[in-house]
Amino acid sequence: MRLNLSTQIPTLLDCGDDPGDMSAEQAHSAMQLHLDCTVDMCRVRRRARATLVDSGRCVLDNRALQ
């Protein structure tokens, strides 16, 4: 599987930087890139998860909503 990193790469690499708006495809790539991160500690993974949830591509378990 190829990562779609057509968004600005530096903003996807640093967990402390909010990458801003991204497409669902970019969010999927960001989730893969930050696989070992948690949404509590990583702004990229947090934004990517929100993008996927908002687009309907990811449905969170009730435990993730608490």
C-alpha atoms as a PDB file:
ATOM      1  CA  MET A   1       0.000   0.000   0.000  1.00  0.00           C
ATOM      2  CA  ARG A   2       1.318   3.445  -0.913  1.00  0.00           C
ATOM      3  CA  LEU A   3       1.071   6.393   1.450  1.00  0.00           C
ATOM      4  CA  ASN A   4      -0.580   9.488  -0.004  1.00  0.00           C
ATOM      5  CA  LEU A   5       1.622  12.259   1.321  1.00  0.00           C
ATOM      6  CA  SER A   6       0.611  14.954  -1.138  1.00  0.00           C
ATOM      7  CA  THR A   7      -0.020  17.276   1.788  1.00  0.00           C
ATOM      8  CA  GLN A   8       2.933  19.148   3.235  1.00  0.00           C
ATOM      9  CA  ILE A   9       5.229  16.419   4.510  1.00  0.00           C
ATOM     10  CA  PRO A  10       6.864  18.397   7.348  1.00  0.00           C
ATOM     11  CA  THR A  11       3.482  18.969   8.984  1.00  0.00           C
ATOM     12  CA  LEU A  12       2.740  15.239   8.890  1.00  0.00           C
ATOM     13  CA  LEU A  13       6.027  14.204  10.457  1.00  0.00           C
ATOM     14  CA  ASP A  14       5.937  16.203  13.690  1.00  0.00           C
ATOM     15  CA  CYS A  15       3.391  14.963  16.222  1.00  0.00           C
ATOM     16  CA  GLY A  16       3.251  18.411  17.810  1.00  0.00           C
ATOM     17  CA  ASP A  17       2.203  20.239  14.632  1.00  0.00           C
ATOM     18  CA  ASP A  18      -1.440  20.467  13.618  1.00  0.00           C
ATOM     19  CA  PRO A  19      -1.446  19.628   9.895  1.00  0.00           C
ATOM     20  CA  GLY A  20      -4.673  21.528   9.264  1.00  0.00           C
ATOM     21  CA  ASP A  21      -7.389  20.360   6.902  1.00  0.00           C
ATOM     22  CA  MET A  22      -6.705  17.161   5.011  1.00  0.00           C
ATOM     23  CA  SER A  23      -8.572  14.878   2.675  1.00  0.00           C
ATOM     24  CA  ALA A  24      -9.759  11.473   3.813  1.00  0.00           C
ATOM     25  CA  GLU A  25      -6.947   9.881   1.802  1.00  0.00           C
ATOM     26  CA  GLN A  26      -4.340  12.091   3.464  1.00  0.00           C
ATOM     27  CA  ALA A  27      -5.866  11.321   6.855  1.00  0.00           C
ATOM     28  CA  HIS A  28      -5.605   7.599   6.167  1.00  0.00           C
ATOM     29  CA  SER A  29      -1.928   8.019   5.265  1.00  0.00           C
ATOM     30  CA  ALA A  30      -1.323  10.097   8.379  1.00  0.00           C
ATOM     31  CA  MET A  31      -2.915   7.393  10.535  1.00  0.00           C
ATOM     32  CA  GLN A  32      -0.538   4.838   9.007  1.00  0.00           C
ATOM     33  CA  LEU A  33       2.448   7.128   9.437  1.00  0.00           C
ATOM     34  CA  HIS A  34       1.587   7.712  13.115  1.00  0.00           C
ATOM     35  CA  LEU A  35       0.488   4.144  13.849  1.00  0.00           C
ATOM     36  CA  ASP A  36       2.359   4.004  17.165  1.00  0.00           C
ATOM     37  CA  CYS A  37       1.002   7.372  18.360  1.00  0.00           C
ATOM     38  CA  THR A  38      -2.086   8.029  20.461  1.00  0.00           C
ATOM     39  CA  VAL A  39      -4.635  10.724  19.695  1.00  0.00           C
ATOM     40  CA  ASP A  40      -4.005  12.122  23.173  1.00  0.00           C
ATOM     41  CA  MET A  41      -0.340  12.828  22.421  1.00  0.00           C
ATOM     42  CA  CYS A  42      -0.212  13.303  18.627  1.00  0.00           C
ATOM     43  CA  ARG A  43      -1.920  16.241  16.927  1.00  0.00           C
ATOM     44  CA  VAL A  44      -1.479  14.691  13.478  1.00  0.00           C
ATOM     45  CA  ARG A  45      -3.232  11.457  14.477  1.00  0.00           C
ATOM     46  CA  ARG A  46      -5.933  13.435  16.317  1.00  0.00           C
ATOM     47  CA  ARG A  47      -6.664  15.554  13.210  1.00  0.00           C
ATOM     48  CA  ALA A  48      -6.544  12.517  10.935  1.00  0.00           C
ATOM     49  CA  ARG A  49      -8.980  10.562  13.117  1.00  0.00           C
ATOM     50  CA  ALA A  50     -11.366  13.521  13.254  1.00  0.00           C
ATOM     51  CA  THR A  51     -11.214  13.814   9.466  1.00  0.00           C
ATOM     52  CA  LEU A  52     -11.999  10.127   9.006  1.00  0.00           C
ATOM     53  CA  VAL A  53     -14.849  10.229  11.525  1.00  0.00           C
ATOM     54  CA  ASP A  54     -16.328  13.367   9.941  1.00  0.00           C
ATOM     55  CA  SER A  55     -16.168  11.770   6.475  1.00  0.00           C
ATOM     56  CA  GLY A  56     -17.870   8.596   7.746  1.00  0.00           C
ATOM     57  CA  ARG A  57     -14.856   6.403   6.984  1.00  0.00           C
ATOM     58  CA  CYS A  58     -14.247   5.617  10.645  1.00  0.00           C
ATOM     59  CA  VAL A  59     -16.788   4.861  13.348  1.00  0.00           C
ATOM     60  CA  LEU A  60     -15.475   5.122  16.882  1.00  0.00           C
ATOM     61  CA  ASP A  61     -16.220   2.533  19.513  1.00  0.00           C
ATOM     62  CA  ASN A  62     -18.124   3.921  22.509  1.00  0.00           C
ATOM     63  CA  ARG A  63     -14.974   3.466  24.628  1.00  0.00           C
ATOM     64  CA  ALA A  64     -13.148   5.998  22.408  1.00  0.00           C
ATOM     65  CA  LEU A  65     -15.845   8.602  23.041  1.00  0.00           C
ATOM     66  CA  GLN A  66     -15.409   8.667  26.830  1.00  0.00           C
END
